[in-house]
């Protein structure tokens, strides 16, 4: 006598499948934003690490200038062409592509992969500024943007932040005359040095400063 085993081929019902899909959709709605936020934070942390390396290298190069000739920059200095303007007035320097910029990116292991924008700010002795000889060779400000759509990272008077110190009219920390508003450094006028600039704009282009103020 043969025995036949009954096989249950019953599958999921349409209602059960819909319930599972709804649950998966709810989980995705909860988890995906959290995952994206985690990825963004990881990218920001990596950007800060790289930006710190750029700051260290830039400060080292500027300190080297300070050590020459009793603190005065020698005429024709090869580290930053026209670098003597650091001592003689608030004339911002486009140093992108110079040996100085190349050394910064080599130290930060970014050779061939320079950021969208890297700009540092040192003190100036322009008319009306309260900068000292020491402050002219101290980096107070950094703006680092890895890619055009990346969140900018800023170094401002000893602190790293993703808040643009130039943005806003009533609460910005650097005013329209590029003077620091923070109490400890208040009155120090900044002179900028561009080390990498892929914006398609330059210091003499008003659109560059508009772009810089709008970064967030």
C-alpha atoms as a PDB file:
ATOM      1  CA  UNK A   1       0.000   0.000   0.000  1.00  0.00           C
ATOM      2  CA  UNK A   2       1.615   3.223  -1.083  1.00  0.00           C
ATOM      3  CA  UNK A   3       1.495   6.342   0.993  1.00  0.00           C
ATOM      4  CA  UNK A   4       1.111   9.732  -0.676  1.00  0.00           C
ATOM      5  CA  UNK A   5       2.563  12.713   1.193  1.00  0.00           C
ATOM      6  CA  UNK A   6       0.437  15.771   0.816  1.00  0.00           C
ATOM      7  CA  UNK A   7       2.572  18.717  -0.176  1.00  0.00           C
ATOM      8  CA  UNK A   8       1.399  22.148   0.942  1.00  0.00           C
ATOM      9  CA  UNK A   9       2.154  24.580  -1.892  1.00  0.00           C
ATOM     10  CA  UNK A  10       0.352  27.439  -0.291  1.00  0.00           C
ATOM     11  CA  UNK A  11       2.289  30.729  -0.784  1.00  0.00           C
ATOM     12  CA  UNK A  12       1.911  34.273   0.524  1.00  0.00           C
ATOM     13  CA  UNK A  13      -1.373  35.950  -0.102  1.00  0.00           C
ATOM     14  CA  UNK A  14      -1.534  39.313  -1.830  1.00  0.00           C
ATOM     15  CA  UNK A  15      -2.439  40.990   1.454  1.00  0.00           C
ATOM     16  CA  UNK A  16       0.577  39.454   3.204  1.00  0.00           C
ATOM     17  CA  UNK A  17       2.889  40.642   0.432  1.00  0.00           C
ATOM     18  CA  UNK A  18       1.471  44.163   0.655  1.00  0.00           C
ATOM     19  CA  UNK A  19       1.991  44.180   4.442  1.00  0.00           C
ATOM     20  CA  UNK A  20       5.631  43.080   4.012  1.00  0.00           C
ATOM     21  CA  UNK A  21       6.229  45.772   1.387  1.00  0.00           C
ATOM     22  CA  UNK A  22       4.693  48.423   3.632  1.00  0.00           C
ATOM     23  CA  UNK A  23       6.928  47.363   6.524  1.00  0.00           C
ATOM     24  CA  UNK A  24      10.002  47.476   4.267  1.00  0.00           C
ATOM     25  CA  UNK A  25       9.024  50.933   3.032  1.00  0.00           C
ATOM     26  CA  UNK A  26       8.653  52.192   6.615  1.00  0.00           C
ATOM     27  CA  UNK A  27      12.057  50.775   7.575  1.00  0.00           C
ATOM     28  CA  UNK A  28      13.645  52.346   4.495  1.00  0.00           C
ATOM     29  CA  UNK A  29      12.089  55.721   5.324  1.00  0.00           C
ATOM     30  CA  UNK A  30      13.604  55.516   8.802  1.00  0.00           C
ATOM     31  CA  UNK A  31      17.000  54.027   8.013  1.00  0.00           C
ATOM     32  CA  UNK A  32      17.992  55.677   4.715  1.00  0.00           C
ATOM     33  CA  UNK A  33      18.081  59.288   6.040  1.00  0.00           C
ATOM     34  CA  UNK A  34      20.066  58.086   9.044  1.00  0.00           C
ATOM     35  CA  UNK A  35      22.490  56.260   6.745  1.00  0.00           C
ATOM     36  CA  UNK A  36      22.873  59.303   4.485  1.00  0.00           C
ATOM     37  CA  UNK A  37      23.476  61.470   7.551  1.00  0.00           C
ATOM     38  CA  UNK A  38      26.141  59.048   8.768  1.00  0.00           C
ATOM     39  CA  UNK A  39      27.874  59.118   5.370  1.00  0.00           C
ATOM     40  CA  UNK A  40      27.773  62.937   5.297  1.00  0.00           C
ATOM     41  CA  UNK A  41      29.264  63.147   8.810  1.00  0.00           C
ATOM     42  CA  UNK A  42      32.011  60.710   7.825  1.00  0.00           C
ATOM     43  CA  UNK A  43      32.836  62.826   4.759  1.00  0.00           C
ATOM     44  CA  UNK A  44      32.874  65.991   6.875  1.00  0.00           C
ATOM     45  CA  UNK A  45      35.230  64.387   9.396  1.00  0.00           C
ATOM     46  CA  UNK A  46      37.537  63.268   6.589  1.00  0.00           C
ATOM     47  CA  UNK A  47      37.456  66.763   5.077  1.00  0.00           C
ATOM     48  CA  UNK A  48      38.421  68.313   8.424  1.00  0.00           C
ATOM     49  CA  UNK A  49      41.375  65.941   8.743  1.00  0.00           C
ATOM     50  CA  UNK A  50      42.626  66.880   5.255  1.00  0.00           C
ATOM     51  CA  UNK A  51      41.952  70.586   5.843  1.00  0.00           C
ATOM     52  CA  UNK A  52      43.951  70.442   9.086  1.00  0.00           C
ATOM     53  CA  UNK A  53      46.892  68.969   7.168  1.00  0.00           C
ATOM     54  CA  UNK A  54      46.630  71.815   4.655  1.00  0.00           C
ATOM     55  CA  UNK A  55      46.538  74.373   7.480  1.00  0.00           C
ATOM     56  CA  UNK A  56      49.605  72.868   9.149  1.00  0.00           C
ATOM     57  CA  UNK A  57      51.556  72.875   5.891  1.00  0.00           C
ATOM     58  CA  UNK A  58      50.502  76.420   5.003  1.00  0.00           C
ATOM     59  CA  UNK A  59      51.396  77.743   8.451  1.00  0.00           C
ATOM     60  CA  UNK A  60      54.780  76.016   8.249  1.00  0.00           C
ATOM     61  CA  UNK A  61      55.541  77.693   4.916  1.00  0.00           C
ATOM     62  CA  UNK A  62      54.448  81.113   6.147  1.00  0.00           C
ATOM     63  CA  UNK A  63      56.477  80.659   9.341  1.00  0.00           C
ATOM     64  CA  UNK A  64      59.489  79.937   7.148  1.00  0.00           C
ATOM     65  CA  UNK A  65      58.950  83.331   5.539  1.00  0.00           C
ATOM     66  CA  UNK A  66      58.829  84.936   8.979  1.00  0.00           C
ATOM     67  CA  UNK A  67      62.174  83.361   9.881  1.00  0.00           C
ATOM     68  CA  UNK A  68      63.967  84.940   6.950  1.00  0.00           C
ATOM     69  CA  UNK A  69      65.867  88.198   7.299  1.00  0.00           C
ATOM     70  CA  UNK A  70      64.802  88.946  10.839  1.00  0.00           C
ATOM     71  CA  UNK A  71      61.104  88.513  10.132  1.00  0.00           C
ATOM     72  CA  UNK A  72      60.998  90.502   6.901  1.00  0.00           C
ATOM     73  CA  UNK A  73      60.247  88.775   3.627  1.00  0.00           C
ATOM     74  CA  UNK A  74      63.113  89.077   1.171  1.00  0.00           C
ATOM     75  CA  UNK A  75      62.406  90.678  -2.198  1.00  0.00           C
ATOM     76  CA  UNK A  76      61.905  88.044  -4.886  1.00  0.00           C
ATOM     77  CA  UNK A  77      61.081  85.305  -2.383  1.00  0.00           C
ATOM     78  CA  UNK A  78      60.328  82.124  -4.319  1.00  0.00           C
ATOM     79  CA  UNK A  79      57.872  80.521  -1.874  1.00  0.00           C
ATOM     80  CA  UNK A  80      55.043  82.898  -2.698  1.00  0.00           C
ATOM     81  CA  UNK A  81      55.607  85.160  -5.689  1.00  0.00           C
ATOM     82  CA  UNK A  82      54.967  88.777  -4.643  1.00  0.00           C
ATOM     83  CA  UNK A  83      54.846  87.545  -1.045  1.00  0.00           C
ATOM     84  CA  UNK A  84      56.319  90.824   0.103  1.00  0.00           C
ATOM     85  CA  UNK A  85      52.799  92.267   0.024  1.00  0.00           C
ATOM     86  CA  UNK A  86      52.167  90.415   3.297  1.00  0.00           C
ATOM     87  CA  UNK A  87      54.448  92.972   4.892  1.00  0.00           C
ATOM     88  CA  UNK A  88      53.444  95.940   2.764  1.00  0.00           C
ATOM     89  CA  UNK A  89      49.654  95.962   2.647  1.00  0.00           C
ATOM     90  CA  UNK A  90      46.376  94.163   2.186  1.00  0.00           C
ATOM     91  CA  UNK A  91      46.846  92.824  -1.328  1.00  0.00           C
ATOM     92  CA  UNK A  92      45.345  89.355  -1.538  1.00  0.00           C
ATOM     93  CA  UNK A  93      47.563  86.749  -3.189  1.00  0.00           C
ATOM     94  CA  UNK A  94      46.576  84.098  -5.724  1.00  0.00           C
ATOM     95  CA  UNK A  95      49.253  81.510  -5.020  1.00  0.00           C
ATOM     96  CA  UNK A  96      47.515  78.615  -6.789  1.00  0.00           C
ATOM     97  CA  UNK A  97      49.977  76.619  -8.861  1.00  0.00           C
ATOM     98  CA  UNK A  98      53.026  78.052  -7.056  1.00  0.00           C
ATOM     99  CA  UNK A  99      55.730  75.991  -5.367  1.00  0.00           C
ATOM    100  CA  UNK A 100      54.244  77.074  -2.050  1.00  0.00           C
ATOM    101  CA  UNK A 101      50.822  75.620  -2.949  1.00  0.00           C
ATOM    102  CA  UNK A 102      52.395  72.472  -4.373  1.00  0.00           C
ATOM    103  CA  UNK A 103      54.301  71.910  -1.126  1.00  0.00           C
ATOM    104  CA  UNK A 104      51.098  72.305   0.879  1.00  0.00           C
ATOM    105  CA  UNK A 105      49.269  69.708  -1.198  1.00  0.00           C
ATOM    106  CA  UNK A 106      52.244  67.364  -1.231  1.00  0.00           C
ATOM    107  CA  UNK A 107      52.325  67.446   2.571  1.00  0.00           C
ATOM    108  CA  UNK A 108      48.561  66.822   2.703  1.00  0.00           C
ATOM    109  CA  UNK A 109      48.928  63.986   0.146  1.00  0.00           C
ATOM    110  CA  UNK A 110      46.646  65.823  -2.302  1.00  0.00           C
ATOM    111  CA  UNK A 111      48.987  66.211  -5.264  1.00  0.00           C
ATOM    112  CA  UNK A 112      46.896  65.840  -8.401  1.00  0.00           C
ATOM    113  CA  UNK A 113      43.714  65.957  -6.346  1.00  0.00           C
ATOM    114  CA  UNK A 114      43.649  69.553  -5.178  1.00  0.00           C
ATOM    115  CA  UNK A 115      40.398  70.749  -3.591  1.00  0.00           C
ATOM    116  CA  UNK A 116      37.763  72.894  -5.276  1.00  0.00           C
ATOM    117  CA  UNK A 117      38.788  75.761  -3.029  1.00  0.00           C
ATOM    118  CA  UNK A 118      41.458  76.315  -0.396  1.00  0.00           C
ATOM    119  CA  UNK A 119      42.046  79.805   0.945  1.00  0.00           C
ATOM    120  CA  UNK A 120      43.895  80.887   4.076  1.00  0.00           C
ATOM    121  CA  UNK A 121      43.809  84.269   5.771  1.00  0.00           C
ATOM    122  CA  UNK A 122      46.674  85.932   7.657  1.00  0.00           C
ATOM    123  CA  UNK A 123      46.897  89.314   9.369  1.00  0.00           C
ATOM    124  CA  UNK A 124      47.517  92.457   7.320  1.00  0.00           C
ATOM    125  CA  UNK A 125      49.120  95.797   8.113  1.00  0.00           C
ATOM    126  CA  UNK A 126      46.886  97.675   5.686  1.00  0.00           C
ATOM    127  CA  UNK A 127      45.955 101.202   6.692  1.00  0.00           C
ATOM    128  CA  UNK A 128      43.618 101.106   9.676  1.00  0.00           C
ATOM    129  CA  UNK A 129      44.403  97.499  10.556  1.00  0.00           C
ATOM    130  CA  UNK A 130      45.663  96.598  14.004  1.00  0.00           C
ATOM    131  CA  UNK A 131      47.741  93.608  12.893  1.00  0.00           C
ATOM    132  CA  UNK A 132      51.175  93.111  14.406  1.00  0.00           C
ATOM    133  CA  UNK A 133      54.318  91.754  12.798  1.00  0.00           C
ATOM    134  CA  UNK A 134      53.517  88.386  14.363  1.00  0.00           C
ATOM    135  CA  UNK A 135      49.902  88.348  13.171  1.00  0.00           C
ATOM    136  CA  UNK A 136      50.968  88.936   9.567  1.00  0.00           C
ATOM    137  CA  UNK A 137      52.449  85.437   9.605  1.00  0.00           C
ATOM    138  CA  UNK A 138      49.687  83.707  11.563  1.00  0.00           C
ATOM    139  CA  UNK A 139      46.868  81.821   9.827  1.00  0.00           C
ATOM    140  CA  UNK A 140      43.548  82.882  11.387  1.00  0.00           C
ATOM    141  CA  UNK A 141      41.198  81.664   8.699  1.00  0.00           C
ATOM    142  CA  UNK A 142      40.872  78.703   6.332  1.00  0.00           C
ATOM    143  CA  UNK A 143      38.134  77.901   3.834  1.00  0.00           C
ATOM    144  CA  UNK A 144      38.388  74.339   2.506  1.00  0.00           C
ATOM    145  CA  UNK A 145      35.910  72.894  -0.011  1.00  0.00           C
ATOM    146  CA  UNK A 146      36.717  69.420  -1.335  1.00  0.00           C
ATOM    147  CA  UNK A 147      34.322  69.483  -4.294  1.00  0.00           C
ATOM    148  CA  UNK A 148      31.885  72.058  -5.670  1.00  0.00           C
ATOM    149  CA  UNK A 149      28.955  70.401  -3.848  1.00  0.00           C
ATOM    150  CA  UNK A 150      30.863  69.515  -0.676  1.00  0.00           C
ATOM    151  CA  UNK A 151      30.072  71.108   2.662  1.00  0.00           C
ATOM    152  CA  UNK A 152      32.738  73.785   3.312  1.00  0.00           C
ATOM    153  CA  UNK A 153      34.977  73.465   6.368  1.00  0.00           C
ATOM    154  CA  UNK A 154      36.288  76.587   8.071  1.00  0.00           C
ATOM    155  CA  UNK A 155      39.096  77.331  10.473  1.00  0.00           C
ATOM    156  CA  UNK A 156      38.389  80.545  12.315  1.00  0.00           C
ATOM    157  CA  UNK A 157      40.641  81.879  15.073  1.00  0.00           C
ATOM    158  CA  UNK A 158      41.614  78.478  16.442  1.00  0.00           C
ATOM    159  CA  UNK A 159      38.359  76.565  15.876  1.00  0.00           C
ATOM    160  CA  UNK A 160      37.114  74.311  13.082  1.00  0.00           C
ATOM    161  CA  UNK A 161      33.479  74.728  12.079  1.00  0.00           C
ATOM    162  CA  UNK A 162      31.100  74.222   9.160  1.00  0.00           C
ATOM    163  CA  UNK A 163      29.484  77.604   9.866  1.00  0.00           C
ATOM    164  CA  UNK A 164      30.563  80.284   7.393  1.00  0.00           C
ATOM    165  CA  UNK A 165      32.066  83.174   9.429  1.00  0.00           C
ATOM    166  CA  UNK A 166      31.472  85.502   6.469  1.00  0.00           C
ATOM    167  CA  UNK A 167      27.770  84.715   6.053  1.00  0.00           C
ATOM    168  CA  UNK A 168      24.934  86.913   7.281  1.00  0.00           C
ATOM    169  CA  UNK A 169      24.848  90.632   7.878  1.00  0.00           C
ATOM    170  CA  UNK A 170      24.220  91.023  11.605  1.00  0.00           C
ATOM    171  CA  UNK A 171      26.060  88.078  13.123  1.00  0.00           C
ATOM    172  CA  UNK A 172      28.940  87.344  10.754  1.00  0.00           C
ATOM    173  CA  UNK A 173      32.352  87.023  12.363  1.00  0.00           C
ATOM    174  CA  UNK A 174      34.286  88.606   9.490  1.00  0.00           C
ATOM    175  CA  UNK A 175      32.831  91.926   8.319  1.00  0.00           C
ATOM    176  CA  UNK A 176      32.691  93.346   4.801  1.00  0.00           C
ATOM    177  CA  UNK A 177      36.144  94.879   5.281  1.00  0.00           C
ATOM    178  CA  UNK A 178      37.577  91.458   6.193  1.00  0.00           C
ATOM    179  CA  UNK A 179      38.141  92.453   9.810  1.00  0.00           C
ATOM    180  CA  UNK A 180      37.812  89.786  12.525  1.00  0.00           C
ATOM    181  CA  UNK A 181      34.971  90.476  14.951  1.00  0.00           C
ATOM    182  CA  UNK A 182      35.869  87.858  17.597  1.00  0.00           C
ATOM    183  CA  UNK A 183      36.833  89.534  20.892  1.00  0.00           C
ATOM    184  CA  UNK A 184      40.290  87.988  21.302  1.00  0.00           C
ATOM    185  CA  UNK A 185      41.319  88.862  17.737  1.00  0.00           C
ATOM    186  CA  UNK A 186      38.913  91.727  17.087  1.00  0.00           C
ATOM    187  CA  UNK A 187      40.301  94.389  14.792  1.00  0.00           C
ATOM    188  CA  UNK A 188      42.740  92.103  12.966  1.00  0.00           C
ATOM    189  CA  UNK A 189      42.315  92.634   9.248  1.00  0.00           C
ATOM    190  CA  UNK A 190      42.731  89.574   7.052  1.00  0.00           C
ATOM    191  CA  UNK A 191      44.753  89.196   3.912  1.00  0.00           C
ATOM    192  CA  UNK A 192      43.890  86.117   1.870  1.00  0.00           C
ATOM    193  CA  UNK A 193      46.104  83.621   0.074  1.00  0.00           C
ATOM    194  CA  UNK A 194      44.457  81.325  -2.495  1.00  0.00           C
ATOM    195  CA  UNK A 195      46.122  77.923  -2.747  1.00  0.00           C
ATOM    196  CA  UNK A 196      43.554  76.116  -4.881  1.00  0.00           C
ATOM    197  CA  UNK A 197      40.751  77.680  -6.883  1.00  0.00           C
ATOM    198  CA  UNK A 198      38.540  75.745  -9.295  1.00  0.00           C
ATOM    199  CA  UNK A 199      35.598  78.139  -9.074  1.00  0.00           C
ATOM    200  CA  UNK A 200      36.329  79.819 -12.391  1.00  0.00           C
ATOM    201  CA  UNK A 201      36.445  83.158 -10.562  1.00  0.00           C
ATOM    202  CA  UNK A 202      39.262  85.151  -8.965  1.00  0.00           C
ATOM    203  CA  UNK A 203      39.968  87.813  -6.334  1.00  0.00           C
ATOM    204  CA  UNK A 204      39.281  90.634  -8.787  1.00  0.00           C
ATOM    205  CA  UNK A 205      35.908  89.167  -9.685  1.00  0.00           C
ATOM    206  CA  UNK A 206      33.100  90.362  -7.411  1.00  0.00           C
ATOM    207  CA  UNK A 207      31.326  87.072  -8.111  1.00  0.00           C
ATOM    208  CA  UNK A 208      34.121  85.281  -6.246  1.00  0.00           C
ATOM    209  CA  UNK A 209      33.337  87.106  -3.002  1.00  0.00           C
ATOM    210  CA  UNK A 210      29.616  86.610  -3.536  1.00  0.00           C
ATOM    211  CA  UNK A 211      30.261  82.872  -3.940  1.00  0.00           C
ATOM    212  CA  UNK A 212      32.439  82.823  -0.825  1.00  0.00           C
ATOM    213  CA  UNK A 213      29.750  84.524   1.273  1.00  0.00           C
ATOM    214  CA  UNK A 214      27.130  82.123  -0.013  1.00  0.00           C
ATOM    215  CA  UNK A 215      28.988  78.912   0.834  1.00  0.00           C
ATOM    216  CA  UNK A 216      27.219  76.916   3.541  1.00  0.00           C
END
